[in-house]
Amino acid sequence: MDKDNSKTFLLVLLGLLTAFGPFVTDMYLPALPAMADDFGTSSSMVQLGLTTSMIGLACGQLFFGPLSDKYGRRTPLLTAMWLFLGSTVLCIFAADIEQFVFLRFVQGIAGSGGIVISRSVATDKFSGRELAKMLALIGAINGNLSTMFGDVNEKVGTIAAEVGQTPQGWNAGIFSMIQSLSENVIVPIAGLVITYVLCVELISMVTEKNNMHDVDTSMFFKWVFKAFVAVYLVTHTFDITMAVFDMAQHVVSGAAGVIGGNTNIDVDAALSSMQAGLDAMEIPELLLLVMETSLVSLCMKIMSVLITVILYGRMIEIYLYCSVSPIPFATMTNREWGQIGNNYLKALFALGFQGFLIMICVGIYAVLVGSMIVADNLHSAIFSLAAYTVILCFSLFKTGALAKSIFNAH
């Protein structure tokens, strides 16, 4: 292996070792809600696994640093990597939350070995300006990995978790309040609407039949049946409404499984594309890269706030629709007034399946980012990431109008 290739290989290797810290934390965050359900425990207990891993990352450096100075870099590093691999596998098969929290602590200790030893190796191999360049490169790789790899998975996990929630699952307190308001305030109004609609229909039916001279007995049976259906719909409004969102949740969950399984980024391929560019950079260009990364990180945070506004706004809109649901349902059995109820039902389906469109946007975003990382120009890749995030935010804004257009809801 020639000098340039050896230097590039060492750069990539040390960059990967330094990235163990972000991987231990960032790749774990999107799974927090699902893990609480899987272990049957509270979210605070699952978050304890994050705390213990960070404690392990801090404490482990106190041990692996002196060990690498005494026994050399290779043996402690291999020990740390095998310990990390073993603890990661055992985390997958943890029987309860206590075992998982303990294994996360061990995983943090093992990951700290790569962090501290990688910097020691850089100090051994380089000095002065070359050492500063090497450490800056390692930091740049670490930042790119945590931002580009972690953020994609985190966005997919966060949006999937929010979009896949039903109204009663998203916030039980708000749902209970909306249900109480609907049953105690809106249902009586819906009763008046039913009475008015049925009376108007009965009067029209009588007058159209020559003041009952041409009346057919079956007409009254049809009218009674329609009255029964109208009352049934109003008294079971929440069951019908929740059935719509349960179906939508099933579709979104299926989409999240497909998208989540196809957004894994090939780290080796990504780093291979970065090797030449990183090796050719001087310290001023590295400083520019740090500034660009900071700018993109700020943009990502702003976009994350906007995405949160979109997701929360959708859920609030769902609660508003649910709060008045008895009134449009009360009109569905009438020929003239039924358009109100039909349009309302279309809007419910549009709100539910908006979540599916949101998941498609996230999937497209993940694929674009995955393709963008293999680019040779790091500066272009960073700003492409920011551009894709802006496009994601804009697309999420459009999903509501698109869903209503598909279902012809006004």
Protein backbone atom coordinates (compact mmCIF):
# COMPACT_ATOMS: atom_id res chain seq x y z
CA MET A 1 0.00 0.00 0.00
CA ASP A 2 1.58 3.32 -1.07
CA LYS A 3 1.83 6.33 1.21
CA ASP A 4 -1.21 8.16 -0.17
CA ASN A 5 -3.46 5.13 0.02
CA SER A 6 -2.21 4.31 3.51
CA LYS A 7 -2.95 7.87 4.64
CA THR A 8 -6.43 7.79 3.12
CA PHE A 9 -7.20 4.41 4.66
CA LEU A 10 -6.01 5.63 8.08
CA LEU A 11 -8.15 8.77 7.71
CA VAL A 12 -11.26 6.75 6.94
CA LEU A 13 -10.57 4.23 9.69
CA LEU A 14 -10.02 6.90 12.35
CA GLY A 15 -13.07 8.79 11.15
CA LEU A 16 -15.21 5.67 11.58
CA LEU A 17 -13.78 5.03 15.04
CA THR A 18 -14.52 8.61 16.11
CA ALA A 19 -18.11 8.22 14.87
CA PHE A 20 -18.91 5.54 17.44
CA GLY A 21 -20.12 8.20 19.85
CA PRO A 22 -22.78 9.67 17.50
CA PHE A 23 -23.80 6.20 16.31
CA VAL A 24 -24.39 5.05 19.91
CA THR A 25 -26.81 7.97 20.48
CA ASP A 26 -28.23 9.21 17.16
CA MET A 27 -29.17 5.84 15.65
CA TYR A 28 -31.00 4.93 18.86
CA LEU A 29 -33.30 7.95 19.18
CA PRO A 30 -35.91 7.16 16.46
CA ALA A 31 -36.72 3.82 18.09
CA LEU A 32 -37.55 5.22 21.55
CA PRO A 33 -41.39 5.14 21.20
CA ALA A 34 -41.42 1.64 19.69
CA MET A 35 -39.04 0.29 22.35
CA ALA A 36 -41.28 1.50 25.17
CA ASP A 37 -44.13 -0.54 23.67
CA ASP A 38 -41.90 -3.53 22.97
CA PHE A 39 -40.54 -3.73 26.53
CA GLY A 40 -43.88 -2.76 28.07
CA THR A 41 -42.34 0.04 30.12
CA SER A 42 -42.36 3.83 30.38
CA SER A 43 -40.52 6.12 27.98
CA SER A 44 -38.35 7.39 30.86
CA MET A 45 -36.98 3.88 31.42
CA VAL A 46 -36.12 3.55 27.73
CA GLN A 47 -34.43 6.98 27.82
CA LEU A 48 -32.33 5.69 30.72
CA GLY A 49 -30.56 3.53 28.14
CA LEU A 50 -29.44 6.72 26.38
CA THR A 51 -28.20 8.18 29.66
CA THR A 52 -26.22 5.08 30.63
CA SER A 53 -24.60 4.84 27.18
CA MET A 54 -23.40 8.44 27.44
CA ILE A 55 -22.04 7.73 30.92
CA GLY A 56 -20.26 4.71 29.46
CA LEU A 57 -18.81 6.85 26.65
CA ALA A 58 -17.38 9.26 29.22
CA CYS A 59 -16.11 6.70 31.75
CA GLY A 60 -14.65 4.30 29.19
CA GLN A 61 -12.17 6.89 27.93
CA LEU A 62 -10.60 6.95 31.41
CA PHE A 63 -9.73 3.25 31.03
CA PHE A 64 -8.92 2.80 27.34
CA GLY A 65 -6.59 5.80 27.21
CA PRO A 66 -4.12 4.50 29.83
CA LEU A 67 -4.50 0.91 28.56
CA SER A 68 -3.55 1.95 25.02
CA ASP A 69 -0.50 3.82 26.36
CA LYS A 70 0.64 0.74 28.31
CA TYR A 71 -0.23 -2.15 25.98
CA GLY A 72 -0.20 -0.43 22.61
CA ARG A 73 -3.06 0.74 20.37
CA ARG A 74 -3.99 -2.50 18.62
CA THR A 75 -4.98 -4.82 21.48
CA PRO A 76 -7.18 -2.35 23.43
CA LEU A 77 -8.78 -1.20 20.17
CA LEU A 78 -9.65 -4.75 19.08
CA THR A 79 -10.95 -5.47 22.58
CA ALA A 80 -13.17 -2.39 22.45
CA MET A 81 -14.50 -3.26 18.98
CA TRP A 82 -15.32 -6.88 19.89
CA LEU A 83 -16.95 -5.69 23.13
CA PHE A 84 -18.99 -3.15 21.14
CA LEU A 85 -20.09 -5.78 18.63
CA GLY A 86 -21.04 -8.27 21.37
CA SER A 87 -22.98 -5.73 23.45
CA THR A 88 -24.83 -4.53 20.34
CA VAL A 89 -25.93 -8.06 19.45
CA LEU A 90 -26.99 -8.71 23.05
CA CYS A 91 -29.02 -5.47 23.05
CA ILE A 92 -31.09 -6.91 20.21
CA PHE A 93 -31.96 -9.98 22.28
CA ALA A 94 -32.39 -8.23 25.67
CA ALA A 95 -35.22 -9.89 27.60
CA ASP A 96 -36.23 -6.85 29.64
CA ILE A 97 -35.49 -3.17 29.99
CA GLU A 98 -33.01 -3.69 32.87
CA GLN A 99 -30.80 -5.93 30.73
CA PHE A 100 -31.05 -3.48 27.85
CA VAL A 101 -30.00 -0.50 30.02
CA PHE A 102 -27.00 -2.42 31.36
CA LEU A 103 -25.93 -3.53 27.87
CA ARG A 104 -26.24 0.04 26.65
CA PHE A 105 -23.80 1.05 29.39
CA VAL A 106 -21.35 -1.63 28.21
CA GLN A 107 -21.87 -0.50 24.63
CA GLY A 108 -20.99 3.07 25.62
CA ILE A 109 -17.78 1.93 27.35
CA ALA A 110 -16.78 -0.09 24.29
CA GLY A 111 -17.54 2.78 21.91
CA SER A 112 -15.34 5.13 23.91
CA GLY A 113 -12.35 2.95 23.04
CA GLY A 114 -12.62 3.87 19.37
CA ILE A 115 -12.98 7.57 20.19
CA VAL A 116 -9.95 7.92 22.47
CA ILE A 117 -7.64 5.51 20.65
CA SER A 118 -8.33 7.09 17.24
CA ARG A 119 -7.05 10.42 18.52
CA SER A 120 -4.03 8.72 20.09
CA VAL A 121 -3.20 7.08 16.75
CA ALA A 122 -3.46 10.44 15.00
CA THR A 123 -1.04 11.91 17.56
CA ASP A 124 1.38 9.00 17.03
CA LYS A 125 1.40 9.29 13.23
CA PHE A 126 1.36 13.04 12.72
CA SER A 127 2.58 16.22 14.34
CA GLY A 128 2.28 19.97 13.98
CA ARG A 129 0.30 21.24 11.00
CA GLU A 130 -0.25 17.74 9.66
CA LEU A 131 -1.69 16.62 13.01
CA ALA A 132 -4.07 19.62 13.06
CA LYS A 133 -5.21 18.78 9.57
CA MET A 134 -5.71 15.14 10.51
CA LEU A 135 -7.76 15.93 13.61
CA ALA A 136 -9.82 18.46 11.66
CA LEU A 137 -10.53 15.84 9.00
CA ILE A 138 -11.60 13.35 11.64
CA GLY A 139 -13.94 15.94 13.17
CA ALA A 140 -15.35 16.78 9.74
CA ILE A 141 -16.04 13.11 9.01
CA ASN A 142 -17.62 12.71 12.43
CA GLY A 143 -19.91 15.72 11.84
CA ASN A 144 -20.90 14.54 8.37
CA LEU A 145 -21.68 11.06 9.61
CA SER A 146 -23.80 12.23 12.53
CA THR A 147 -25.65 14.80 10.39
CA MET A 148 -26.09 12.99 7.08
CA PHE A 149 -26.59 9.45 8.37
CA GLY A 150 -28.31 10.11 11.68
CA ASP A 151 -30.69 12.86 10.56
CA VAL A 152 -32.19 10.83 7.74
CA ASN A 153 -33.06 7.92 10.04
CA GLU A 154 -34.20 10.29 12.79
CA LYS A 155 -36.54 12.18 10.45
CA VAL A 156 -38.02 8.95 9.12
CA GLY A 157 -38.52 7.65 12.66
CA THR A 158 -39.94 10.89 14.08
CA ILE A 159 -42.33 11.60 11.22
CA ALA A 160 -43.45 7.96 11.03
CA ALA A 161 -44.14 7.94 14.77
CA GLU A 162 -46.17 11.15 14.63
CA VAL A 163 -48.05 10.45 11.40
CA GLY A 164 -48.86 6.87 12.40
CA GLN A 165 -50.71 7.96 15.56
CA THR A 166 -54.50 7.86 15.77
CA PRO A 167 -56.29 10.80 17.47
CA GLN A 168 -56.78 8.84 20.69
CA GLY A 169 -53.18 7.61 20.66
CA TRP A 170 -51.52 10.94 19.88
CA ASN A 171 -52.82 12.72 22.99
CA ALA A 172 -55.36 10.94 25.16
CA GLY A 173 -56.16 14.10 27.15
CA ILE A 174 -57.05 16.18 24.09
CA PHE A 175 -59.01 13.29 22.60
CA SER A 176 -61.03 12.85 25.79
CA MET A 177 -61.83 16.58 25.86
CA ILE A 178 -62.89 16.60 22.18
CA GLN A 179 -65.04 13.51 22.67
CA SER A 180 -66.72 15.04 25.72
CA LEU A 181 -67.43 18.29 23.88
CA SER A 182 -68.81 16.41 20.92
CA GLU A 183 -71.11 14.21 22.99
CA ASN A 184 -72.37 16.95 25.31
CA VAL A 185 -72.51 19.96 22.98
CA ILE A 186 -72.53 18.86 19.34
CA VAL A 187 -74.68 15.72 19.56
CA PRO A 188 -77.76 17.68 20.82
CA ILE A 189 -77.29 20.11 17.90
CA ALA A 190 -77.02 17.12 15.57
CA GLY A 191 -80.29 15.86 17.05
CA LEU A 192 -81.96 19.13 16.10
CA VAL A 193 -80.50 18.84 12.59
CA ILE A 194 -81.89 15.30 12.27
CA THR A 195 -85.31 16.46 13.46
CA TYR A 196 -85.38 19.35 11.02
CA VAL A 197 -84.16 17.29 8.07
CA LEU A 198 -86.60 14.43 8.74
CA CYS A 199 -89.55 16.80 9.23
CA VAL A 200 -88.80 18.64 5.99
CA GLU A 201 -88.45 15.34 4.19
CA LEU A 202 -91.73 14.04 5.64
CA ILE A 203 -93.62 17.20 4.68
CA SER A 204 -92.17 17.08 1.16
CA MET A 205 -93.08 13.42 0.84
CA VAL A 206 -96.71 14.08 1.87
CA THR A 207 -97.23 17.13 -0.33
CA GLU A 208 -95.68 15.41 -3.34
CA LYS A 209 -98.23 12.58 -3.03
CA ASN A 210 -101.36 14.77 -3.33
CA ASN A 211 -101.83 15.20 0.42
CA MET A 212 -101.63 11.45 1.07
CA HIS A 213 -104.20 10.51 -1.58
CA ASP A 214 -101.50 8.73 -3.61
CA VAL A 215 -99.45 7.58 -0.64
CA ASP A 216 -97.62 4.29 -0.57
CA THR A 217 -97.19 2.59 2.82
CA SER A 218 -93.61 1.54 1.93
CA MET A 219 -92.65 5.21 1.85
CA PHE A 220 -93.16 5.50 5.59
CA PHE A 221 -91.12 2.36 6.21
CA LYS A 222 -88.31 3.90 4.16
CA TRP A 223 -88.61 7.14 6.11
CA VAL A 224 -88.49 5.29 9.46
CA PHE A 225 -85.46 3.30 8.26
CA LYS A 226 -83.68 6.48 7.20
CA ALA A 227 -84.45 8.04 10.59
CA PHE A 228 -83.03 4.97 12.32
CA VAL A 229 -79.84 5.10 10.21
CA ALA A 230 -79.41 8.83 10.88
CA VAL A 231 -79.75 8.36 14.64
CA TYR A 232 -77.39 5.38 14.53
CA LEU A 233 -74.75 7.37 12.64
CA VAL A 234 -74.90 10.27 15.08
CA THR A 235 -74.72 8.03 18.17
CA HIS A 236 -71.78 6.06 16.70
CA THR A 237 -69.94 8.99 15.15
CA PHE A 238 -66.70 8.49 17.03
CA ASP A 239 -66.59 4.77 16.23
CA ILE A 240 -66.92 5.50 12.52
CA THR A 241 -64.43 8.37 12.63
CA MET A 242 -61.84 6.33 14.52
CA ALA A 243 -62.32 3.45 12.09
CA VAL A 244 -61.25 5.78 9.28
CA PHE A 245 -58.09 6.79 11.14
CA ASP A 246 -57.36 3.22 12.24
CA MET A 247 -57.38 2.19 8.59
CA ALA A 248 -55.17 5.15 7.70
CA GLN A 249 -52.80 4.22 10.53
CA HIS A 250 -52.49 0.70 9.13
CA VAL A 251 -51.56 2.11 5.71
CA VAL A 252 -49.04 4.55 7.20
CA SER A 253 -47.46 1.84 9.37
CA GLY A 254 -47.05 -0.37 6.34
CA ALA A 255 -45.45 2.48 4.41
CA ALA A 256 -43.13 3.24 7.34
CA GLY A 257 -41.95 -0.36 7.35
CA VAL A 258 -41.17 -0.31 3.63
CA ILE A 259 -39.52 3.12 3.73
CA GLY A 260 -37.59 2.40 6.92
CA GLY A 261 -36.21 -0.78 5.39
CA ASN A 262 -34.97 1.02 2.26
CA THR A 263 -33.25 4.05 3.78
CA ASN A 264 -30.11 2.38 5.12
CA ILE A 265 -27.10 4.33 3.91
CA ASP A 266 -24.03 2.37 2.77
CA VAL A 267 -21.33 3.83 5.02
CA ASP A 268 -18.45 2.16 3.16
CA ALA A 269 -19.61 3.50 -0.21
CA ALA A 270 -20.14 6.97 1.25
CA LEU A 271 -16.68 7.09 2.78
CA SER A 272 -15.06 5.75 -0.38
CA SER A 273 -16.50 8.69 -2.31
CA MET A 274 -15.14 11.12 0.29
CA GLN A 275 -11.58 9.80 0.41
CA ALA A 276 -10.05 11.74 -2.46
CA GLY A 277 -11.72 15.02 -1.51
CA LEU A 278 -10.78 14.79 2.14
CA ASP A 279 -7.19 13.86 1.40
CA ALA A 280 -6.73 16.88 -0.92
CA MET A 281 -8.15 19.49 1.50
CA GLU A 282 -6.00 22.03 3.29
CA ILE A 283 -6.80 23.57 6.68
CA PRO A 284 -8.52 26.74 5.27
CA GLU A 285 -10.83 24.57 3.21
CA LEU A 286 -11.54 22.44 6.26
CA LEU A 287 -12.51 25.55 8.21
CA LEU A 288 -14.87 26.46 5.36
CA LEU A 289 -16.31 22.96 5.55
CA VAL A 290 -16.94 23.40 9.29
CA MET A 291 -18.76 26.69 8.63
CA GLU A 292 -20.85 25.10 5.90
CA THR A 293 -21.75 22.18 8.16
CA SER A 294 -22.77 24.57 10.95
CA LEU A 295 -24.96 26.51 8.52
CA VAL A 296 -26.61 23.34 7.27
CA SER A 297 -27.15 22.15 10.84
CA LEU A 298 -28.92 25.43 11.64
CA CYS A 299 -31.08 25.04 8.52
CA MET A 300 -31.89 21.47 9.53
CA LYS A 301 -33.03 22.65 12.97
CA ILE A 302 -35.27 25.32 11.41
CA MET A 303 -36.70 22.77 9.00
CA SER A 304 -37.28 20.38 11.90
CA VAL A 305 -39.34 23.06 13.66
CA LEU A 306 -41.39 23.62 10.49
CA ILE A 307 -41.93 19.89 10.06
CA THR A 308 -43.11 19.69 13.67
CA VAL A 309 -45.55 22.55 12.97
CA ILE A 310 -46.91 20.66 9.96
CA LEU A 311 -47.36 17.41 11.89
CA TYR A 312 -48.94 19.06 14.92
CA GLY A 313 -51.12 21.24 12.68
CA ARG A 314 -52.45 18.12 10.95
CA MET A 315 -53.34 16.51 14.27
CA ILE A 316 -55.08 19.67 15.50
CA GLU A 317 -57.06 19.76 12.25
CA ILE A 318 -58.08 16.15 12.84
CA TYR A 319 -59.29 17.01 16.36
CA LEU A 320 -61.28 19.94 14.99
CA TYR A 321 -62.91 17.69 12.39
CA CYS A 322 -63.72 15.08 15.04
CA SER A 323 -65.24 17.64 17.41
CA VAL A 324 -68.08 18.54 14.99
CA SER A 325 -68.47 15.13 13.36
CA PRO A 326 -72.06 14.43 14.60
CA ILE A 327 -73.52 17.37 12.62
CA PRO A 328 -72.37 16.31 9.13
CA PHE A 329 -73.16 12.68 9.94
CA ALA A 330 -76.72 13.77 10.80
CA THR A 331 -77.26 14.92 7.21
CA MET A 332 -75.97 11.86 5.37
CA THR A 333 -79.35 10.09 4.93
CA ASN A 334 -81.01 13.07 3.26
CA ARG A 335 -80.83 13.50 -0.50
CA GLU A 336 -80.51 17.30 -0.45
CA TRP A 337 -78.41 17.71 2.67
CA GLY A 338 -76.39 14.54 2.26
CA GLN A 339 -73.66 16.33 0.31
CA ILE A 340 -72.51 17.93 3.59
CA GLY A 341 -71.96 14.56 5.21
CA ASN A 342 -70.42 13.02 2.09
CA ASN A 343 -67.92 15.86 1.74
CA TYR A 344 -67.08 15.59 5.45
CA LEU A 345 -66.39 11.88 5.10
CA LYS A 346 -64.16 12.56 2.09
CA ALA A 347 -62.25 15.12 4.16
CA LEU A 348 -61.75 12.53 6.93
CA PHE A 349 -60.25 10.08 4.44
CA ALA A 350 -58.09 12.88 3.03
CA LEU A 351 -56.73 13.73 6.49
CA GLY A 352 -56.05 10.08 7.22
CA PHE A 353 -54.29 9.34 3.95
CA GLN A 354 -52.35 12.59 4.13
CA GLY A 355 -50.12 10.63 6.48
CA PHE A 356 -49.38 8.17 3.66
CA LEU A 357 -48.39 11.04 1.36
CA ILE A 358 -46.15 12.43 4.12
CA MET A 359 -44.41 9.05 4.37
CA ILE A 360 -43.85 9.05 0.59
CA CYS A 361 -42.23 12.50 0.86
CA VAL A 362 -39.95 11.23 3.61
CA GLY A 363 -39.05 8.16 1.56
CA ILE A 364 -38.15 10.30 -1.47
CA TYR A 365 -36.08 12.55 0.80
CA ALA A 366 -34.19 9.57 2.21
CA VAL A 367 -33.42 8.19 -1.25
CA LEU A 368 -32.23 11.59 -2.48
CA VAL A 369 -29.96 12.04 0.53
CA GLY A 370 -28.63 8.50 0.12
CA SER A 371 -27.75 9.23 -3.51
CA MET A 372 -26.31 12.63 -2.66
CA ILE A 373 -23.80 11.30 -0.10
CA VAL A 374 -21.85 9.39 -2.73
CA ALA A 375 -21.01 12.65 -4.51
CA ASP A 376 -17.32 13.56 -4.79
CA ASN A 377 -17.78 17.27 -3.98
CA LEU A 378 -18.31 17.59 -0.24
CA HIS A 379 -19.35 21.24 -0.43
CA SER A 380 -21.98 20.43 -3.04
CA ALA A 381 -23.18 17.46 -0.98
CA ILE A 382 -23.67 19.58 2.14
CA PHE A 383 -25.73 22.24 0.39
CA SER A 384 -27.64 19.56 -1.51
CA LEU A 385 -28.63 18.14 1.86
CA ALA A 386 -29.96 21.56 2.91
CA ALA A 387 -31.82 21.92 -0.40
CA TYR A 388 -33.41 18.47 -0.07
CA THR A 389 -34.57 19.34 3.45
CA VAL A 390 -36.22 22.54 2.19
CA ILE A 391 -37.91 20.51 -0.57
CA LEU A 392 -39.11 18.01 2.05
CA CYS A 393 -40.63 20.79 4.15
CA PHE A 394 -42.34 22.35 1.10
CA SER A 395 -43.67 18.94 0.00
CA LEU A 396 -45.12 18.29 3.45
CA PHE A 397 -46.98 21.59 3.25
CA LYS A 398 -48.55 20.46 -0.04
CA THR A 399 -49.68 17.00 1.15
CA GLY A 400 -52.90 18.32 2.72
CA ALA A 401 -54.12 20.03 -0.46
CA LEU A 402 -53.07 17.03 -2.56
CA ALA A 403 -54.95 14.56 -0.33
CA LYS A 404 -58.13 16.66 -0.49
CA SER A 405 -57.76 16.90 -4.26
CA ILE A 406 -57.45 13.12 -4.57
CA PHE A 407 -60.60 12.49 -2.51
CA ASN A 408 -62.43 15.47 -4.05
CA ALA A 409 -62.97 16.99 -0.60
CA HIS A 410 -63.66 20.70 -0.33
